[in-house]
């Protein structure tokens, strides 16, 4: 099994966050299902980064990246809740 590099995991999380941000901002073409999938993807990527890089030389940057991504999930959940009540 290939060991994940920090840069690879960081890029995957950034791509997931970009998709999530598009949903949160209400960009055309993003559905509630897209939002739910993006929330799950970012959450999973954050958990993965914490597990793989919670300790060691990349731990500080990893914690900063995860701390930045988690509020994006909260914002997307808030948007999803608003859409469900419309």
Protein backbone atom coordinates (compact mmCIF):
# COMPACT_ATOMS: atom_id res chain seq x y z
CA UNK A 1 0.00 0.00 0.00
CA UNK A 2 1.37 3.37 -1.00
CA UNK A 3 2.06 5.74 1.86
CA UNK A 4 0.26 9.06 1.44
CA UNK A 5 2.51 12.07 1.26
CA UNK A 6 1.64 15.20 3.15
CA UNK A 7 1.46 17.23 -0.06
CA UNK A 8 -0.93 14.72 -1.68
CA UNK A 9 -3.29 14.72 1.30
CA UNK A 10 -3.07 18.51 1.53
CA UNK A 11 -4.02 18.85 -2.16
CA UNK A 12 -6.95 16.44 -1.79
CA UNK A 13 -8.27 18.42 1.17
CA UNK A 14 -7.85 21.71 -0.72
CA UNK A 15 -9.79 20.35 -3.69
CA UNK A 16 -12.54 19.10 -1.38
CA UNK A 17 -12.68 22.51 0.33
CA UNK A 18 -12.91 24.31 -3.02
CA UNK A 19 -15.90 22.18 -4.02
CA UNK A 20 -17.50 22.72 -0.61
CA UNK A 21 -16.97 26.48 -0.90
CA UNK A 22 -18.75 26.54 -4.26
CA UNK A 23 -21.79 24.93 -2.64
CA UNK A 24 -21.66 27.21 0.40
CA UNK A 25 -21.53 30.32 -1.80
CA UNK A 26 -24.53 29.11 -3.79
CA UNK A 27 -22.78 28.81 -7.11
CA UNK A 28 -25.04 27.70 -9.93
CA UNK A 29 -25.27 23.98 -10.49
CA UNK A 30 -24.52 22.82 -6.95
CA UNK A 31 -27.35 20.82 -5.40
CA UNK A 32 -28.16 19.91 -1.80
CA UNK A 33 -26.88 16.41 -2.56
CA UNK A 34 -23.60 17.95 -3.75
CA UNK A 35 -23.43 19.86 -0.49
CA UNK A 36 -23.99 16.77 1.63
CA UNK A 37 -21.36 14.86 -0.33
CA UNK A 38 -18.90 17.75 -0.05
CA UNK A 39 -19.45 18.02 3.71
CA UNK A 40 -18.72 14.32 4.09
CA UNK A 41 -15.67 14.51 1.82
CA UNK A 42 -14.10 17.44 3.68
CA UNK A 43 -14.84 15.84 7.05
CA UNK A 44 -13.26 12.57 5.92
CA UNK A 45 -10.21 14.35 4.52
CA UNK A 46 -9.77 16.31 7.77
CA UNK A 47 -9.96 13.08 9.77
CA UNK A 48 -7.47 11.45 7.42
CA UNK A 49 -5.02 14.34 7.71
CA UNK A 50 -5.27 14.31 11.51
CA UNK A 51 -4.68 10.55 11.59
CA UNK A 52 -1.73 10.55 9.19
CA UNK A 53 -0.01 13.78 10.18
CA UNK A 54 -1.18 14.57 13.72
CA UNK A 55 2.35 13.96 14.91
CA UNK A 56 5.69 14.46 13.26
CA UNK A 57 7.32 17.15 11.15
CA UNK A 58 4.09 18.16 9.38
CA UNK A 59 1.88 18.18 12.49
CA UNK A 60 1.82 21.96 12.92
CA UNK A 61 0.81 22.70 9.35
CA UNK A 62 -1.64 19.80 9.39
CA UNK A 63 -3.40 21.16 12.47
CA UNK A 64 -3.60 24.63 10.91
CA UNK A 65 -5.09 23.28 7.69
CA UNK A 66 -7.67 21.17 9.54
CA UNK A 67 -8.55 24.09 11.82
CA UNK A 68 -9.20 26.18 8.71
CA UNK A 69 -11.30 23.50 7.00
CA UNK A 70 -13.63 22.57 9.88
CA UNK A 71 -15.47 25.94 9.96
CA UNK A 72 -16.14 25.56 6.23
CA UNK A 73 -18.05 22.39 7.03
CA UNK A 74 -20.09 24.29 9.63
CA UNK A 75 -20.89 27.02 7.11
CA UNK A 76 -21.99 24.47 4.52
CA UNK A 77 -24.20 22.74 7.09
CA UNK A 78 -25.81 26.09 7.90
CA UNK A 79 -26.50 26.71 4.19
CA UNK A 80 -27.94 23.22 3.85
CA UNK A 81 -30.24 23.84 6.82
CA UNK A 82 -31.44 27.11 5.26
CA UNK A 83 -32.15 25.40 1.94
CA UNK A 84 -34.16 22.69 3.64
CA UNK A 85 -36.39 25.28 5.35
CA UNK A 86 -37.18 27.25 2.19
